[in-house]
Amino acid sequence: MKKLNLGFRSATKNTMHHLQLNYVKTELEAEPLKKYMAQIAALGIFSDKNGEMVFATPASASYIDTEEKVVFAEK
């Protein structure tokens, strides 16, 4: 399964935070992703316990491809 990993920098501490999404379009290019991430950041709804905005600035986007390899399975 492919996942989309979106990396954001926090507003004040400059720490990285990630939002990982399943079941995504895998052909998205950099510019549309930056636009969508900016829209997520503009919502201002993701904050930590101190009220700092954790998804403040889009920093990275990558697709992660995970493949399950069964070693054994009982019948």
PDB file of N, CA and C in Angstrom:
ATOM      1  N   MET A   1       0.842  -1.165   0.000  1.00  0.00           N
ATOM      2  CA  MET A   1       0.000   0.000   0.000  1.00  0.00           C
ATOM      3  C   MET A   1       0.893   1.235   0.000  1.00  0.00           C
ATOM      4  N   LYS A   2       0.506   2.223  -0.767  1.00  0.00           N
ATOM      5  CA  LYS A   2       1.253   3.478  -0.792  1.00  0.00           C
ATOM      6  C   LYS A   2       0.613   4.465   0.168  1.00  0.00           C
ATOM      7  N   LYS A   3       1.474   5.203   0.867  1.00  0.00           N
ATOM      8  CA  LYS A   3       1.040   6.236   1.789  1.00  0.00           C
ATOM      9  C   LYS A   3       1.708   7.537   1.379  1.00  0.00           C
ATOM     10  N   LEU A   4       1.066   8.630   1.729  1.00  0.00           N
ATOM     11  CA  LEU A   4       1.636   9.948   1.484  1.00  0.00           C
ATOM     12  C   LEU A   4       2.041  10.529   2.830  1.00  0.00           C
ATOM     13  N   ASN A   5       3.313  10.848   2.966  1.00  0.00           N
ATOM     14  CA  ASN A   5       3.850  11.401   4.200  1.00  0.00           C
ATOM     15  C   ASN A   5       4.092  12.898   3.987  1.00  0.00           C
ATOM     16  N   LEU A   6       3.326  13.725   4.700  1.00  0.00           N
ATOM     17  CA  LEU A   6       3.458  15.170   4.585  1.00  0.00           C
ATOM     18  C   LEU A   6       4.201  15.695   5.805  1.00  0.00           C
ATOM     19  N   GLY A   7       5.290  16.411   5.573  1.00  0.00           N
ATOM     20  CA  GLY A   7       6.083  16.959   6.665  1.00  0.00           C
ATOM     21  C   GLY A   7       5.861  18.458   6.805  1.00  0.00           C
ATOM     22  N   PHE A   8       5.603  18.890   8.027  1.00  0.00           N
ATOM     23  CA  PHE A   8       5.376  20.297   8.330  1.00  0.00           C
ATOM     24  C   PHE A   8       6.323  20.747   9.440  1.00  0.00           C
ATOM     25  N   ARG A   9       6.690  22.003   9.410  1.00  0.00           N
ATOM     26  CA  ARG A   9       7.463  22.613  10.500  1.00  0.00           C
ATOM     27  C   ARG A   9       6.480  23.334  11.419  1.00  0.00           C
ATOM     28  N   SER A  10       6.776  23.289  12.713  1.00  0.00           N
ATOM     29  CA  SER A  10       5.922  23.979  13.681  1.00  0.00           C
ATOM     30  C   SER A  10       6.148  25.490  13.596  1.00  0.00           C
ATOM     31  N   ALA A  11       5.257  26.236  14.209  1.00  0.00           N
ATOM     32  CA  ALA A  11       5.278  27.692  14.084  1.00  0.00           C
ATOM     33  C   ALA A  11       6.465  28.342  14.783  1.00  0.00           C
ATOM     34  N   THR A  12       6.802  27.904  15.986  1.00  0.00           N
ATOM     35  CA  THR A  12       7.846  28.603  16.732  1.00  0.00           C
ATOM     36  C   THR A  12       9.082  27.763  17.029  1.00  0.00           C
ATOM     37  N   LYS A  13       8.898  26.483  17.288  1.00  0.00           N
ATOM     38  CA  LYS A  13      10.031  25.634  17.673  1.00  0.00           C
ATOM     39  C   LYS A  13      10.801  25.078  16.484  1.00  0.00           C
ATOM     40  N   ASN A  14      10.253  25.229  15.281  1.00  0.00           N
ATOM     41  CA  ASN A  14      10.888  24.745  14.054  1.00  0.00           C
ATOM     42  C   ASN A  14      11.110  23.226  14.070  1.00  0.00           C
ATOM     43  N   THR A  15      10.255  22.501  14.769  1.00  0.00           N
ATOM     44  CA  THR A  15      10.345  21.044  14.801  1.00  0.00           C
ATOM     45  C   THR A  15       9.491  20.458  13.694  1.00  0.00           C
ATOM     46  N   MET A  16       9.841  19.250  13.256  1.00  0.00           N
ATOM     47  CA  MET A  16       9.104  18.581  12.180  1.00  0.00           C
ATOM     48  C   MET A  16       7.970  17.737  12.755  1.00  0.00           C
ATOM     49  N   HIS A  17       6.837  17.779  12.069  1.00  0.00           N
ATOM     50  CA  HIS A  17       5.683  16.951  12.395  1.00  0.00           C
ATOM     51  C   HIS A  17       5.175  16.358  11.087  1.00  0.00           C
ATOM     52  N   HIS A  18       4.623  15.137  11.163  1.00  0.00           N
ATOM     53  CA  HIS A  18       4.218  14.444   9.946  1.00  0.00           C
ATOM     54  C   HIS A  18       2.751  14.062   9.993  1.00  0.00           C
ATOM     55  N   LEU A  19       2.143  14.138   8.842  1.00  0.00           N
ATOM     56  CA  LEU A  19       0.773  13.694   8.625  1.00  0.00           C
ATOM     57  C   LEU A  19       0.849  12.619   7.553  1.00  0.00           C
ATOM     58  N   GLN A  20       0.438  11.398   7.904  1.00  0.00           N
ATOM     59  CA  GLN A  20       0.542  10.288   6.961  1.00  0.00           C
ATOM     60  C   GLN A  20      -0.859   9.871   6.528  1.00  0.00           C
ATOM     61  N   LEU A  21      -1.065   9.828   5.219  1.00  0.00           N
ATOM     62  CA  LEU A  21      -2.378   9.518   4.650  1.00  0.00           C
ATOM     63  C   LEU A  21      -2.329   8.230   3.841  1.00  0.00           C
ATOM     64  N   ASN A  22      -3.365   7.426   3.983  1.00  0.00           N
ATOM     65  CA  ASN A  22      -3.514   6.178   3.215  1.00  0.00           C
ATOM     66  C   ASN A  22      -4.465   6.417   2.047  1.00  0.00           C
ATOM     67  N   TYR A  23      -4.410   5.549   1.061  1.00  0.00           N
ATOM     68  CA  TYR A  23      -5.342   5.561  -0.073  1.00  0.00           C
ATOM     69  C   TYR A  23      -5.321   6.910  -0.794  1.00  0.00           C
ATOM     70  N   VAL A  24      -4.171   7.294  -1.274  1.00  0.00           N
ATOM     71  CA  VAL A  24      -3.995   8.595  -1.912  1.00  0.00           C
ATOM     72  C   VAL A  24      -3.673   8.440  -3.396  1.00  0.00           C
ATOM     73  N   LYS A  25      -3.861   9.513  -4.135  1.00  0.00           N
ATOM     74  CA  LYS A  25      -3.421   9.546  -5.526  1.00  0.00           C
ATOM     75  C   LYS A  25      -1.902   9.542  -5.518  1.00  0.00           C
ATOM     76  N   THR A  26      -1.318   8.694  -6.336  1.00  0.00           N
ATOM     77  CA  THR A  26       0.140   8.574  -6.322  1.00  0.00           C
ATOM     78  C   THR A  26       0.812   9.362  -7.437  1.00  0.00           C
ATOM     79  N   GLU A  27       0.040  10.085  -8.211  1.00  0.00           N
ATOM     80  CA  GLU A  27       0.645  10.830  -9.308  1.00  0.00           C
ATOM     81  C   GLU A  27       0.642  12.340  -9.068  1.00  0.00           C
ATOM     82  N   LEU A  28       0.467  12.772  -7.839  1.00  0.00           N
ATOM     83  CA  LEU A  28       0.484  14.199  -7.535  1.00  0.00           C
ATOM     84  C   LEU A  28       1.902  14.752  -7.656  1.00  0.00           C
ATOM     85  N   GLU A  29       2.019  15.926  -8.230  1.00  0.00           N
ATOM     86  CA  GLU A  29       3.307  16.594  -8.413  1.00  0.00           C
ATOM     87  C   GLU A  29       3.570  17.549  -7.247  1.00  0.00           C
ATOM     88  N   ALA A  30       4.754  18.126  -7.220  1.00  0.00           N
ATOM     89  CA  ALA A  30       5.193  18.972  -6.108  1.00  0.00           C
ATOM     90  C   ALA A  30       4.313  20.213  -5.924  1.00  0.00           C
ATOM     91  N   GLU A  31       4.007  20.915  -6.987  1.00  0.00           N
ATOM     92  CA  GLU A  31       3.261  22.177  -6.853  1.00  0.00           C
ATOM     93  C   GLU A  31       1.854  21.984  -6.286  1.00  0.00           C
ATOM     94  N   PRO A  32       1.062  21.033  -6.801  1.00  0.00           N
ATOM     95  CA  PRO A  32      -0.257  20.825  -6.190  1.00  0.00           C
ATOM     96  C   PRO A  32      -0.144  20.382  -4.725  1.00  0.00           C
ATOM     97  N   LEU A  33       0.841  19.537  -4.415  1.00  0.00           N
ATOM     98  CA  LEU A  33       1.013  19.107  -3.030  1.00  0.00           C
ATOM     99  C   LEU A  33       1.343  20.280  -2.126  1.00  0.00           C
ATOM    100  N   LYS A  34       2.209  21.174  -2.576  1.00  0.00           N
ATOM    101  CA  LYS A  34       2.535  22.364  -1.781  1.00  0.00           C
ATOM    102  C   LYS A  34       1.285  23.201  -1.533  1.00  0.00           C
ATOM    103  N   LYS A  35       0.452  23.322  -2.560  1.00  0.00           N
ATOM    104  CA  LYS A  35      -0.787  24.099  -2.438  1.00  0.00           C
ATOM    105  C   LYS A  35      -1.725  23.460  -1.417  1.00  0.00           C
ATOM    106  N   TYR A  36      -1.891  22.145  -1.493  1.00  0.00           N
ATOM    107  CA  TYR A  36      -2.772  21.448  -0.559  1.00  0.00           C
ATOM    108  C   TYR A  36      -2.237  21.517   0.866  1.00  0.00           C
ATOM    109  N   MET A  37      -0.926  21.399   1.001  1.00  0.00           N
ATOM    110  CA  MET A  37      -0.326  21.476   2.332  1.00  0.00           C
ATOM    111  C   MET A  37      -0.474  22.879   2.914  1.00  0.00           C
ATOM    112  N   ALA A  38      -0.364  23.899   2.084  1.00  0.00           N
ATOM    113  CA  ALA A  38      -0.568  25.277   2.544  1.00  0.00           C
ATOM    114  C   ALA A  38      -2.008  25.474   3.019  1.00  0.00           C
ATOM    115  N   GLN A  39      -2.954  24.829   2.343  1.00  0.00           N
ATOM    116  CA  GLN A  39      -4.357  24.907   2.757  1.00  0.00           C
ATOM    117  C   GLN A  39      -4.554  24.232   4.109  1.00  0.00           C
ATOM    118  N   ILE A  40      -3.900  23.086   4.322  1.00  0.00           N
ATOM    119  CA  ILE A  40      -3.981  22.396   5.611  1.00  0.00           C
ATOM    120  C   ILE A  40      -3.405  23.292   6.709  1.00  0.00           C
ATOM    121  N   ALA A  41      -2.246  23.885   6.445  1.00  0.00           N
ATOM    122  CA  ALA A  41      -1.602  24.767   7.424  1.00  0.00           C
ATOM    123  C   ALA A  41      -2.486  25.974   7.734  1.00  0.00           C
ATOM    124  N   ALA A  42      -3.139  26.528   6.711  1.00  0.00           N
ATOM    125  CA  ALA A  42      -3.970  27.714   6.896  1.00  0.00           C
ATOM    126  C   ALA A  42      -5.194  27.444   7.771  1.00  0.00           C
ATOM    127  N   LEU A  43      -5.612  26.187   7.874  1.00  0.00           N
ATOM    128  CA  LEU A  43      -6.754  25.862   8.722  1.00  0.00           C
ATOM    129  C   LEU A  43      -6.468  26.189  10.181  1.00  0.00           C
ATOM    130  N   GLY A  44      -5.211  26.016  10.594  1.00  0.00           N
ATOM    131  CA  GLY A  44      -4.827  26.335  11.970  1.00  0.00           C
ATOM    132  C   GLY A  44      -5.478  25.473  13.021  1.00  0.00           C
ATOM    133  N   ILE A  45      -5.806  24.233  12.679  1.00  0.00           N
ATOM    134  CA  ILE A  45      -6.521  23.375  13.635  1.00  0.00           C
ATOM    135  C   ILE A  45      -5.636  22.335  14.315  1.00  0.00           C
ATOM    136  N   PHE A  46      -4.373  22.272  13.946  1.00  0.00           N
ATOM    137  CA  PHE A  46      -3.478  21.285  14.533  1.00  0.00           C
ATOM    138  C   PHE A  46      -2.498  21.983  15.470  1.00  0.00           C
ATOM    139  N   SER A  47      -2.661  21.759  16.774  1.00  0.00           N
ATOM    140  CA  SER A  47      -1.766  22.382  17.743  1.00  0.00           C
ATOM    141  C   SER A  47      -1.383  21.370  18.814  1.00  0.00           C
ATOM    142  N   ASP A  48      -0.283  21.646  19.499  1.00  0.00           N
ATOM    143  CA  ASP A  48       0.143  20.769  20.584  1.00  0.00           C
ATOM    144  C   ASP A  48      -0.510  21.229  21.893  1.00  0.00           C
ATOM    145  N   LYS A  49      -0.139  20.595  22.997  1.00  0.00           N
ATOM    146  CA  LYS A  49      -0.783  20.895  24.285  1.00  0.00           C
ATOM    147  C   LYS A  49      -0.495  22.315  24.767  1.00  0.00           C
ATOM    148  N   ASN A  50       0.541  22.949  24.218  1.00  0.00           N
ATOM    149  CA  ASN A  50       0.869  24.327  24.587  1.00  0.00           C
ATOM    150  C   ASN A  50       0.237  25.348  23.648  1.00  0.00           C
ATOM    151  N   GLY A  51      -0.503  24.877  22.668  1.00  0.00           N
ATOM    152  CA  GLY A  51      -1.172  25.764  21.729  1.00  0.00           C
ATOM    153  C   GLY A  51      -0.336  26.151  20.523  1.00  0.00           C
ATOM    154  N   GLU A  52       0.863  25.570  20.375  1.00  0.00           N
ATOM    155  CA  GLU A  52       1.702  25.883  19.223  1.00  0.00           C
ATOM    156  C   GLU A  52       1.172  25.173  17.988  1.00  0.00           C
ATOM    157  N   MET A  53       1.106  25.890  16.876  1.00  0.00           N
ATOM    158  CA  MET A  53       0.654  25.294  15.626  1.00  0.00           C
ATOM    159  C   MET A  53       1.738  24.348  15.107  1.00  0.00           C
ATOM    160  N   VAL A  54       1.408  23.060  15.037  1.00  0.00           N
ATOM    161  CA  VAL A  54       2.414  22.065  14.644  1.00  0.00           C
ATOM    162  C   VAL A  54       2.491  21.866  13.134  1.00  0.00           C
ATOM    163  N   PHE A  55       1.444  22.169  12.408  1.00  0.00           N
ATOM    164  CA  PHE A  55       1.457  22.075  10.947  1.00  0.00           C
ATOM    165  C   PHE A  55       1.417  23.492  10.380  1.00  0.00           C
ATOM    166  N   ALA A  56       2.452  24.274  10.657  1.00  0.00           N
ATOM    167  CA  ALA A  56       2.456  25.687  10.281  1.00  0.00           C
ATOM    168  C   ALA A  56       3.029  25.937   8.893  1.00  0.00           C
ATOM    169  N   THR A  57       4.114  25.235   8.546  1.00  0.00           N
ATOM    170  CA  THR A  57       4.799  25.485   7.283  1.00  0.00           C
ATOM    171  C   THR A  57       5.068  24.178   6.553  1.00  0.00           C
ATOM    172  N   PRO A  58       4.598  24.016   5.319  1.00  0.00           N
ATOM    173  CA  PRO A  58       4.907  22.808   4.551  1.00  0.00           C
ATOM    174  C   PRO A  58       6.417  22.674   4.350  1.00  0.00           C
ATOM    175  N   ALA A  59       6.944  21.462   4.604  1.00  0.00           N
ATOM    176  CA  ALA A  59       8.388  21.261   4.492  1.00  0.00           C
ATOM    177  C   ALA A  59       8.760  20.135   3.541  1.00  0.00           C
ATOM    178  N   SER A  60       7.953  19.070   3.472  1.00  0.00           N
ATOM    179  CA  SER A  60       8.304  17.943   2.602  1.00  0.00           C
ATOM    180  C   SER A  60       7.073  17.097   2.312  1.00  0.00           C
ATOM    181  N   ALA A  61       7.172  16.317   1.242  1.00  0.00           N
ATOM    182  CA  ALA A  61       6.129  15.351   0.890  1.00  0.00           C
ATOM    183  C   ALA A  61       6.804  14.167   0.218  1.00  0.00           C
ATOM    184  N   SER A  62       6.407  12.982   0.620  1.00  0.00           N
ATOM    185  CA  SER A  62       6.989  11.787   0.011  1.00  0.00           C
ATOM    186  C   SER A  62       5.969  10.656   0.027  1.00  0.00           C
ATOM    187  N   TYR A  63       6.102   9.794  -0.967  1.00  0.00           N
ATOM    188  CA  TYR A  63       5.282   8.586  -1.012  1.00  0.00           C
ATOM    189  C   TYR A  63       6.066   7.463  -0.352  1.00  0.00           C
ATOM    190  N   ILE A  64       5.376   6.686   0.462  1.00  0.00           N
ATOM    191  CA  ILE A  64       5.983   5.533   1.119  1.00  0.00           C
ATOM    192  C   ILE A  64       5.267   4.301   0.601  1.00  0.00           C
ATOM    193  N   ASP A  65       6.019   3.381   0.067  1.00  0.00           N
ATOM    194  CA  ASP A  65       5.456   2.147  -0.472  1.00  0.00           C
ATOM    195  C   ASP A  65       5.779   1.018   0.500  1.00  0.00           C
ATOM    196  N   THR A  66       4.747   0.468   1.128  1.00  0.00           N
ATOM    197  CA  THR A  66       4.951  -0.638   2.053  1.00  0.00           C
ATOM    198  C   THR A  66       4.445  -1.920   1.411  1.00  0.00           C
ATOM    199  N   GLU A  67       5.198  -2.952   1.568  1.00  0.00           N
ATOM    200  CA  GLU A  67       4.838  -4.240   0.994  1.00  0.00           C
ATOM    201  C   GLU A  67       4.882  -5.281   2.101  1.00  0.00           C
ATOM    202  N   GLU A  68       3.808  -6.020   2.242  1.00  0.00           N
ATOM    203  CA  GLU A  68       3.743  -7.055   3.248  1.00  0.00           C
ATOM    204  C   GLU A  68       4.315  -8.337   2.679  1.00  0.00           C
ATOM    205  N   LYS A  69       5.232  -8.933   3.412  1.00  0.00           N
ATOM    206  CA  LYS A  69       5.820 -10.199   3.003  1.00  0.00           C
ATOM    207  C   LYS A  69       5.520 -11.217   4.097  1.00  0.00           C
ATOM    208  N   VAL A  70       4.652 -12.180   3.795  1.00  0.00           N
ATOM    209  CA  VAL A  70       4.250 -13.181   4.775  1.00  0.00           C
ATOM    210  C   VAL A  70       5.347 -14.220   4.892  1.00  0.00           C
ATOM    211  N   VAL A  71       5.831 -14.433   6.094  1.00  0.00           N
ATOM    212  CA  VAL A  71       6.860 -15.442   6.346  1.00  0.00           C
ATOM    213  C   VAL A  71       6.182 -16.787   6.559  1.00  0.00           C
ATOM    214  N   PHE A  72       5.124 -16.798   7.364  1.00  0.00           N
ATOM    215  CA  PHE A  72       4.297 -17.991   7.511  1.00  0.00           C
ATOM    216  C   PHE A  72       2.932 -17.556   8.019  1.00  0.00           C
ATOM    217  N   ALA A  73       1.937 -18.413   7.792  1.00  0.00           N
ATOM    218  CA  ALA A  73       0.593 -18.161   8.256  1.00  0.00           C
ATOM    219  C   ALA A  73      -0.094 -19.487   8.541  1.00  0.00           C
ATOM    220  N   GLU A  74      -0.698 -19.593   9.702  1.00  0.00           N
ATOM    221  CA  GLU A  74      -1.433 -20.821  10.040  1.00  0.00           C
ATOM    222  C   GLU A  74      -2.717 -20.893   9.236  1.00  0.00           C
ATOM    223  N   LYS A  75      -3.103 -22.121   8.917  1.00  0.00           N
ATOM    224  CA  LYS A  75      -4.324 -22.312   8.153  1.00  0.00           C
ATOM    225  C   LYS A  75      -5.481 -22.589   9.048  1.00  0.00           C
TER     226      LYS A  75
END
